[in-house]
PDB file of all heavy atoms in Angstrom:
ATOM      1  N   ASN A   1      43.971  80.432 103.414  1.00  0.00           N
ATOM      2  CA  ASN A   1      42.742  81.200 102.909  1.00  0.00           C
ATOM      3  C   ASN A   1      43.209  82.246 101.930  1.00  0.00           C
ATOM      4  O   ASN A   1      42.648  82.444 100.893  1.00  0.00           O
ATOM      5  CB  ASN A   1      42.027  81.716 104.077  1.00  0.00           C
ATOM      6  CG  ASN A   1      40.605  82.094 103.821  1.00  0.00           C
ATOM      7  OD1 ASN A   1      40.053  81.882 102.728  1.00  0.00           O
ATOM      8  ND2 ASN A   1      39.925  82.728 104.771  1.00  0.00           N
ATOM      9  N   LEU A   2      44.252  83.077 102.345  1.00  0.00           N
ATOM     10  CA  LEU A   2      44.704  84.194 101.532  1.00  0.00           C
ATOM     11  C   LEU A   2      45.357  83.678 100.302  1.00  0.00           C
ATOM     12  O   LEU A   2      45.453  84.423  99.259  1.00  0.00           O
ATOM     13  CB  LEU A   2      45.580  85.017 102.367  1.00  0.00           C
ATOM     14  CG  LEU A   2      44.924  85.881 103.434  1.00  0.00           C
ATOM     15  CD1 LEU A   2      45.882  86.393 104.529  1.00  0.00           C
ATOM     16  CD2 LEU A   2      44.170  87.015 102.759  1.00  0.00           C
ATOM     17  N   ASN A   3      45.937  82.528 100.257  1.00  0.00           N
ATOM     18  CA  ASN A   3      46.648  82.029  99.055  1.00  0.00           C
ATOM     19  C   ASN A   3      45.651  81.872  97.910  1.00  0.00           C
ATOM     20  O   ASN A   3      45.993  81.896  96.730  1.00  0.00           O
ATOM     21  CB  ASN A   3      47.188  80.684  99.352  1.00  0.00           C
ATOM     22  CG  ASN A   3      48.002  80.026  98.104  1.00  0.00           C
ATOM     23  OD1 ASN A   3      49.039  80.614  97.685  1.00  0.00           O
ATOM     24  ND2 ASN A   3      47.505  78.930  97.611  1.00  0.00           N
ATOM     25  N   LEU A   4      44.372  81.709  98.208  1.00  0.00           N
ATOM     26  CA  LEU A   4      43.333  81.667  97.192  1.00  0.00           C
ATOM     27  C   LEU A   4      43.404  82.902  96.276  1.00  0.00           C
ATOM     28  O   LEU A   4      43.300  82.812  95.068  1.00  0.00           O
ATOM     29  CB  LEU A   4      41.933  81.560  97.833  1.00  0.00           C
ATOM     30  CG  LEU A   4      40.724  81.585  96.897  1.00  0.00           C
ATOM     31  CD1 LEU A   4      40.735  80.414  95.920  1.00  0.00           C
ATOM     32  CD2 LEU A   4      39.490  81.543  97.765  1.00  0.00           C
ATOM     33  N   LEU A   5      43.651  84.039  96.889  1.00  0.00           N
ATOM     34  CA  LEU A   5      43.691  85.297  96.102  1.00  0.00           C
ATOM     35  C   LEU A   5      44.916  85.277  95.179  1.00  0.00           C
ATOM     36  O   LEU A   5      44.903  85.792  94.090  1.00  0.00           O
ATOM     37  CB  LEU A   5      43.692  86.518  97.025  1.00  0.00           C
ATOM     38  CG  LEU A   5      42.512  86.566  97.984  1.00  0.00           C
ATOM     39  CD1 LEU A   5      42.623  87.955  98.720  1.00  0.00           C
ATOM     40  CD2 LEU A   5      41.137  86.593  97.180  1.00  0.00           C
ATOM     41  N   THR A   6      46.053  84.826  95.766  1.00  0.00           N
ATOM     42  CA  THR A   6      47.326  84.780  94.996  1.00  0.00           C
ATOM     43  C   THR A   6      47.155  83.801  93.793  1.00  0.00           C
ATOM     44  O   THR A   6      47.638  84.068  92.679  1.00  0.00           O
ATOM     45  CB  THR A   6      48.469  84.193  95.904  1.00  0.00           C
ATOM     46  OG1 THR A   6      48.562  85.078  96.994  1.00  0.00           O
ATOM     47  CG2 THR A   6      49.748  84.155  95.172  1.00  0.00           C
ATOM     48  N   ARG A   7      46.428  82.683  94.022  1.00  0.00           N
ATOM     49  CA  ARG A   7      46.188  81.753  92.817  1.00  0.00           C
ATOM     50  C   ARG A   7      45.363  82.473  91.807  1.00  0.00           C
ATOM     51  O   ARG A   7      45.624  82.304  90.571  1.00  0.00           O
ATOM     52  CB  ARG A   7      45.480  80.480  93.386  1.00  0.00           C
ATOM     53  CG  ARG A   7      45.274  79.515  92.245  1.00  0.00           C
ATOM     54  CD  ARG A   7      44.473  78.321  92.623  1.00  0.00           C
ATOM     55  NE  ARG A   7      44.373  77.461  91.466  1.00  0.00           N
ATOM     56  CZ  ARG A   7      43.649  76.281  91.430  1.00  0.00           C
ATOM     57  NH1 ARG A   7      42.856  75.955  92.427  1.00  0.00           N
ATOM     58  NH2 ARG A   7      43.650  75.545  90.360  1.00  0.00           N
ATOM     59  N   ILE A   8      44.303  83.171  92.228  1.00  0.00           N
ATOM     60  CA  ILE A   8      43.394  83.823  91.228  1.00  0.00           C
ATOM     61  C   ILE A   8      44.141  84.881  90.464  1.00  0.00           C
ATOM     62  O   ILE A   8      44.066  84.999  89.246  1.00  0.00           O
ATOM     63  CB  ILE A   8      42.258  84.420  91.954  1.00  0.00           C
ATOM     64  CG1 ILE A   8      41.313  83.329  92.499  1.00  0.00           C
ATOM     65  CG2 ILE A   8      41.429  85.253  90.979  1.00  0.00           C
ATOM     66  CD1 ILE A   8      40.284  83.816  93.419  1.00  0.00           C
ATOM     67  N   ASN A   9      45.044  85.604  91.168  1.00  0.00           N
ATOM     68  CA  ASN A   9      45.915  86.546  90.441  1.00  0.00           C
ATOM     69  C   ASN A   9      46.770  85.892  89.359  1.00  0.00           C
ATOM     70  O   ASN A   9      46.873  86.397  88.252  1.00  0.00           O
ATOM     71  CB  ASN A   9      46.862  87.261  91.466  1.00  0.00           C
ATOM     72  CG  ASN A   9      46.129  88.299  92.294  1.00  0.00           C
ATOM     73  OD1 ASN A   9      45.009  88.712  91.988  1.00  0.00           O
ATOM     74  ND2 ASN A   9      46.839  88.766  93.265  1.00  0.00           N
ATOM     75  N   ARG A  10      47.396  84.789  89.753  1.00  0.00           N
ATOM     76  CA  ARG A  10      48.301  84.076  88.823  1.00  0.00           C
ATOM     77  C   ARG A  10      47.646  83.450  87.662  1.00  0.00           C
ATOM     78  O   ARG A  10      48.020  83.571  86.514  1.00  0.00           O
ATOM     79  CB  ARG A  10      49.056  83.012  89.643  1.00  0.00           C
ATOM     80  CG  ARG A  10      50.177  82.320  88.748  1.00  0.00           C
ATOM     81  CD  ARG A  10      50.811  81.219  89.595  1.00  0.00           C
ATOM     82  NE  ARG A  10      49.954  80.134  89.975  1.00  0.00           N
ATOM     83  CZ  ARG A  10      49.532  79.867  91.202  1.00  0.00           C
ATOM     84  NH1 ARG A  10      49.912  80.701  92.246  1.00  0.00           N
ATOM     85  NH2 ARG A  10      48.729  78.825  91.460  1.00  0.00           N
ATOM     86  N   GLU A  11      46.489  82.771  87.969  1.00  0.00           N
ATOM     87  CA  GLU A  11      45.860  81.979  86.906  1.00  0.00           C
ATOM     88  C   GLU A  11      44.796  82.690  85.983  1.00  0.00           C
ATOM     89  O   GLU A  11      44.502  82.342  85.007  1.00  0.00           O
ATOM     90  CB  GLU A  11      45.230  80.720  87.494  1.00  0.00           C
ATOM     91  CG  GLU A  11      46.278  79.870  88.048  1.00  0.00           C
ATOM     92  CD  GLU A  11      45.768  78.488  88.568  1.00  0.00           C
ATOM     93  OE1 GLU A  11      44.760  77.991  87.953  1.00  0.00           O
ATOM     94  OE2 GLU A  11      46.379  77.913  89.492  1.00  0.00           O
ATOM     95  N   LEU A  12      44.217  83.794  86.643  1.00  0.00           N
ATOM     96  CA  LEU A  12      43.076  84.448  86.016  1.00  0.00           C
ATOM     97  C   LEU A  12      43.332  85.966  85.692  1.00  0.00           C
ATOM     98  O   LEU A  12      42.415  86.681  85.391  1.00  0.00           O
ATOM     99  CB  LEU A  12      41.795  84.355  86.867  1.00  0.00           C
ATOM    100  CG  LEU A  12      41.347  82.915  87.181  1.00  0.00           C
ATOM    101  CD1 LEU A  12      40.060  82.904  87.964  1.00  0.00           C
ATOM    102  CD2 LEU A  12      41.183  82.044  85.893  1.00  0.00           C
ATOM    103  N   GLU A  13      44.595  86.337  85.774  1.00  0.00           N
ATOM    104  CA  GLU A  13      45.034  87.766  85.405  1.00  0.00           C
ATOM    105  C   GLU A  13      44.189  88.758  86.300  1.00  0.00           C
ATOM    106  O   GLU A  13      43.701  89.780  85.803  1.00  0.00           O
ATOM    107  CB  GLU A  13      44.756  88.021  83.911  1.00  0.00           C
ATOM    108  CG  GLU A  13      45.552  87.124  83.066  1.00  0.00           C
ATOM    109  CD  GLU A  13      45.241  87.306  81.543  1.00  0.00           C
ATOM    110  OE1 GLU A  13      44.300  88.171  81.272  1.00  0.00           O
ATOM    111  OE2 GLU A  13      45.895  86.696  80.685  1.00  0.00           O
ATOM    112  N   ALA A  14      44.189  88.454  87.612  1.00  0.00           N
ATOM    113  CA  ALA A  14      43.495  89.328  88.521  1.00  0.00           C
ATOM    114  C   ALA A  14      44.452  90.244  89.220  1.00  0.00           C
ATOM    115  O   ALA A  14      45.696  90.014  89.131  1.00  0.00           O
ATOM    116  CB  ALA A  14      42.714  88.517  89.614  1.00  0.00           C
ATOM    117  N   ASP A  15      43.973  91.213  90.052  1.00  0.00           N
ATOM    118  CA  ASP A  15      44.883  92.065  90.735  1.00  0.00           C
ATOM    119  C   ASP A  15      44.433  92.300  92.168  1.00  0.00           C
ATOM    120  O   ASP A  15      44.502  93.355  92.664  1.00  0.00           O
ATOM    121  CB  ASP A  15      44.956  93.522  89.989  1.00  0.00           C
ATOM    122  CG  ASP A  15      43.541  94.176  89.933  1.00  0.00           C
ATOM    123  OD1 ASP A  15      42.532  93.610  90.404  1.00  0.00           O
ATOM    124  OD2 ASP A  15      43.452  95.284  89.378  1.00  0.00           O
ATOM    125  N   PHE A  16      44.050  91.252  92.781  1.00  0.00           N
ATOM    126  CA  PHE A  16      43.835  91.213  94.314  1.00  0.00           C
ATOM    127  C   PHE A  16      45.141  91.645  94.941  1.00  0.00           C
ATOM    128  O   PHE A  16      46.241  91.132  94.636  1.00  0.00           O
ATOM    129  CB  PHE A  16      43.462  89.802  94.764  1.00  0.00           C
ATOM    130  CG  PHE A  16      42.010  89.407  94.645  1.00  0.00           C
ATOM    131  CD1 PHE A  16      41.616  88.606  93.621  1.00  0.00           C
ATOM    132  CD2 PHE A  16      41.067  89.987  95.448  1.00  0.00           C
ATOM    133  CE1 PHE A  16      40.276  88.277  93.457  1.00  0.00           C
ATOM    134  CE2 PHE A  16      39.714  89.592  95.292  1.00  0.00           C
ATOM    135  CZ  PHE A  16      39.262  88.734  94.370  1.00  0.00           C
ATOM    136  N   ASP A  17      44.945  92.412  96.001  1.00  0.00           N
ATOM    137  CA  ASP A  17      46.064  92.688  96.992  1.00  0.00           C
ATOM    138  C   ASP A  17      45.742  91.911  98.241  1.00  0.00           C
ATOM    139  O   ASP A  17      44.912  92.255  99.057  1.00  0.00           O
ATOM    140  CB  ASP A  17      46.055  94.180  97.344  1.00  0.00           C
ATOM    141  CG  ASP A  17      47.102  94.528  98.398  1.00  0.00           C
ATOM    142  OD1 ASP A  17      47.848  93.600  98.771  1.00  0.00           O
ATOM    143  OD2 ASP A  17      47.120  95.688  98.826  1.00  0.00           O
ATOM    144  N   PRO A  18      46.438  90.739  98.459  1.00  0.00           N
ATOM    145  CA  PRO A  18      46.170  89.867  99.578  1.00  0.00           C
ATOM    146  C   PRO A  18      46.295  90.592 100.876  1.00  0.00           C
ATOM    147  O   PRO A  18      45.670  90.253 101.886  1.00  0.00           O
ATOM    148  CB  PRO A  18      47.195  88.749  99.422  1.00  0.00           C
ATOM    149  CG  PRO A  18      47.446  88.715  97.959  1.00  0.00           C
ATOM    150  CD  PRO A  18      47.397  90.133  97.480  1.00  0.00           C
ATOM    151  N   ASP A  19      47.167  91.596 100.936  1.00  0.00           N
ATOM    152  CA  ASP A  19      47.426  92.410 102.149  1.00  0.00           C
ATOM    153  C   ASP A  19      46.176  93.230 102.525  1.00  0.00           C
ATOM    154  O   ASP A  19      46.048  93.824 103.557  1.00  0.00           O
ATOM    155  CB  ASP A  19      48.645  93.284 102.066  1.00  0.00           C
ATOM    156  CG  ASP A  19      49.872  92.459 102.027  1.00  0.00           C
ATOM    157  OD1 ASP A  19      49.831  91.359 102.604  1.00  0.00           O
ATOM    158  OD2 ASP A  19      50.975  92.963 101.536  1.00  0.00           O
ATOM    159  N   ALA A  20      45.237  93.429 101.570  1.00  0.00           N
ATOM    160  CA  ALA A  20      44.034  94.225 101.825  1.00  0.00           C
ATOM    161  C   ALA A  20      42.957  93.405 102.245  1.00  0.00           C
ATOM    162  O   ALA A  20      41.776  93.822 102.316  1.00  0.00           O
ATOM    163  CB  ALA A  20      43.690  94.984 100.525  1.00  0.00           C
ATOM    164  N   PHE A  21      43.163  92.103 102.583  1.00  0.00           N
ATOM    165  CA  PHE A  21      42.145  91.166 103.114  1.00  0.00           C
ATOM    166  C   PHE A  21      42.666  90.524 104.378  1.00  0.00           C
ATOM    167  O   PHE A  21      43.916  90.340 104.516  1.00  0.00           O
ATOM    168  CB  PHE A  21      41.802  90.129 102.037  1.00  0.00           C
ATOM    169  CG  PHE A  21      40.960  90.630 100.945  1.00  0.00           C
ATOM    170  CD1 PHE A  21      41.616  91.357  99.853  1.00  0.00           C
ATOM    171  CD2 PHE A  21      39.584  90.628 100.857  1.00  0.00           C
ATOM    172  CE1 PHE A  21      40.896  91.848  98.793  1.00  0.00           C
ATOM    173  CE2 PHE A  21      38.832  91.087  99.843  1.00  0.00           C
ATOM    174  CZ  PHE A  21      39.550  91.733  98.709  1.00  0.00           C
ATOM    175  N   ARG A  22      41.790  90.082 105.217  1.00  0.00           N
ATOM    176  CA  ARG A  22      42.273  89.200 106.316  1.00  0.00           C
ATOM    177  C   ARG A  22      41.381  87.980 106.468  1.00  0.00           C
ATOM    178  O   ARG A  22      40.247  88.011 105.983  1.00  0.00           O
ATOM    179  CB  ARG A  22      42.215  90.066 107.665  1.00  0.00           C
ATOM    180  CG  ARG A  22      40.788  90.443 108.169  1.00  0.00           C
ATOM    181  CD  ARG A  22      40.851  91.062 109.550  1.00  0.00           C
ATOM    182  NE  ARG A  22      39.496  91.532 109.876  1.00  0.00           N
ATOM    183  CZ  ARG A  22      38.567  90.748 110.550  1.00  0.00           C
ATOM    184  NH1 ARG A  22      38.876  89.475 110.744  1.00  0.00           N
ATOM    185  NH2 ARG A  22      37.445  91.291 110.835  1.00  0.00           N
ATOM    186  N   HIS A  23      41.872  87.005 107.124  1.00  0.00           N
ATOM    187  CA  HIS A  23      41.250  85.743 107.327  1.00  0.00           C
ATOM    188  C   HIS A  23      40.210  85.885 108.468  1.00  0.00           C
ATOM    189  O   HIS A  23      40.588  86.491 109.485  1.00  0.00           O
ATOM    190  CB  HIS A  23      42.272  84.695 107.625  1.00  0.00           C
ATOM    191  CG  HIS A  23      41.765  83.383 108.288  1.00  0.00           C
ATOM    192  ND1 HIS A  23      41.047  82.448 107.622  1.00  0.00           N
ATOM    193  CD2 HIS A  23      41.845  82.934 109.577  1.00  0.00           C
ATOM    194  CE1 HIS A  23      40.736  81.420 108.421  1.00  0.00           C
ATOM    195  NE2 HIS A  23      41.206  81.767 109.610  1.00  0.00           N
ATOM    196  N   ARG A  24      39.070  85.313 108.406  1.00  0.00           N
ATOM    197  CA  ARG A  24      38.151  85.220 109.468  1.00  0.00           C
ATOM    198  C   ARG A  24      37.445  83.816 109.453  1.00  0.00           C
ATOM    199  O   ARG A  24      36.919  83.393 108.367  1.00  0.00           O
ATOM    200  CB  ARG A  24      37.055  86.271 109.439  1.00  0.00           C
ATOM    201  CG  ARG A  24      36.047  86.263 110.665  1.00  0.00           C
ATOM    202  CD  ARG A  24      35.155  87.452 110.587  1.00  0.00           C
ATOM    203  NE  ARG A  24      34.004  87.079 109.726  1.00  0.00           N
ATOM    204  CZ  ARG A  24      33.092  87.855 109.206  1.00  0.00           C
ATOM    205  NH1 ARG A  24      33.229  89.230 109.447  1.00  0.00           N
ATOM    206  NH2 ARG A  24      32.175  87.489 108.454  1.00  0.00           N
ATOM    207  N   ALA A  25      37.434  83.121 110.650  1.00  0.00           N
ATOM    208  CA  ALA A  25      36.695  81.833 110.709  1.00  0.00           C
ATOM    209  C   ALA A  25      36.083  81.818 112.089  1.00  0.00           C
ATOM    210  O   ALA A  25      36.707  81.999 113.041  1.00  0.00           O
ATOM    211  CB  ALA A  25      37.698  80.688 110.472  1.00  0.00           C
ATOM    212  N   ARG A  26      34.754  81.387 112.103  1.00  0.00           N
ATOM    213  CA  ARG A  26      34.163  81.131 113.433  1.00  0.00           C
ATOM    214  C   ARG A  26      32.986  80.188 113.214  1.00  0.00           C
ATOM    215  O   ARG A  26      32.350  80.124 112.171  1.00  0.00           O
ATOM    216  CB  ARG A  26      33.793  82.468 114.089  1.00  0.00           C
ATOM    217  CG  ARG A  26      32.798  83.378 113.325  1.00  0.00           C
ATOM    218  CD  ARG A  26      32.403  84.508 114.190  1.00  0.00           C
ATOM    219  NE  ARG A  26      31.649  85.540 113.504  1.00  0.00           N
ATOM    220  CZ  ARG A  26      32.175  86.743 113.299  1.00  0.00           C
ATOM    221  NH1 ARG A  26      33.313  87.154 113.774  1.00  0.00           N
ATOM    222  NH2 ARG A  26      31.409  87.613 112.658  1.00  0.00           N
ATOM    223  N   TYR A  27      32.577  79.554 114.363  1.00  0.00           N
ATOM    224  CA  TYR A  27      31.559  78.535 114.429  1.00  0.00           C
ATOM    225  C   TYR A  27      30.255  79.176 114.552  1.00  0.00           C
ATOM    226  O   TYR A  27      30.006  80.113 115.406  1.00  0.00           O
ATOM    227  CB  TYR A  27      31.832  77.570 115.509  1.00  0.00           C
ATOM    228  CG  TYR A  27      30.744  76.460 115.592  1.00  0.00           C
ATOM    229  CD1 TYR A  27      30.584  75.551 114.521  1.00  0.00           C
ATOM    230  CD2 TYR A  27      29.931  76.334 116.744  1.00  0.00           C
ATOM    231  CE1 TYR A  27      29.607  74.573 114.623  1.00  0.00           C
ATOM    232  CE2 TYR A  27      29.021  75.249 116.763  1.00  0.00           C
ATOM    233  CZ  TYR A  27      28.836  74.444 115.679  1.00  0.00           C
ATOM    234  OH  TYR A  27      27.876  73.377 115.772  1.00  0.00           O
ATOM    235  N   ASP A  28      29.256  78.928 113.740  1.00  0.00           N
ATOM    236  CA  ASP A  28      27.870  79.297 113.853  1.00  0.00           C
ATOM    237  C   ASP A  28      27.091  78.141 114.356  1.00  0.00           C
ATOM    238  O   ASP A  28      26.798  77.225 113.685  1.00  0.00           O
ATOM    239  CB  ASP A  28      27.355  79.744 112.391  1.00  0.00           C
ATOM    240  CG  ASP A  28      25.923  80.253 112.459  1.00  0.00           C
ATOM    241  OD1 ASP A  28      25.114  79.956 113.336  1.00  0.00           O
ATOM    242  OD2 ASP A  28      25.608  81.022 111.461  1.00  0.00           O
ATOM    243  N   ALA A  29      26.742  78.194 115.631  1.00  0.00           N
ATOM    244  CA  ALA A  29      26.121  77.078 116.301  1.00  0.00           C
ATOM    245  C   ALA A  29      24.679  76.749 115.599  1.00  0.00           C
ATOM    246  O   ALA A  29      24.216  75.738 115.531  1.00  0.00           O
ATOM    247  CB  ALA A  29      25.923  77.341 117.800  1.00  0.00           C
ATOM    248  N   GLY A  30      24.012  77.933 115.285  1.00  0.00           N
ATOM    249  CA  GLY A  30      22.692  77.752 114.626  1.00  0.00           C
ATOM    250  C   GLY A  30      22.692  77.023 113.362  1.00  0.00           C
ATOM    251  O   GLY A  30      21.880  76.059 113.147  1.00  0.00           O
ATOM    252  N   ALA A  31      23.715  77.286 112.496  1.00  0.00           N
ATOM    253  CA  ALA A  31      23.899  76.639 111.266  1.00  0.00           C
ATOM    254  C   ALA A  31      24.609  75.277 111.437  1.00  0.00           C
ATOM    255  O   ALA A  31      24.669  74.467 110.440  1.00  0.00           O
ATOM    256  CB  ALA A  31      24.577  77.504 110.241  1.00  0.00           C
ATOM    257  N   GLY A  32      25.267  75.115 112.535  1.00  0.00           N
ATOM    258  CA  GLY A  32      26.090  73.833 112.776  1.00  0.00           C
ATOM    259  C   GLY A  32      27.344  73.770 111.905  1.00  0.00           C
ATOM    260  O   GLY A  32      27.687  72.677 111.441  1.00  0.00           O
TER     261      GLY A  32
END
């Protein structure tokens, strides 16, 4: 998930700090 930010930095001249974000994933039963 965090590699997405690294790719954007490399290919689109961005300055995301991946250490300033964390991964979150969970199931939403209502949305399935």
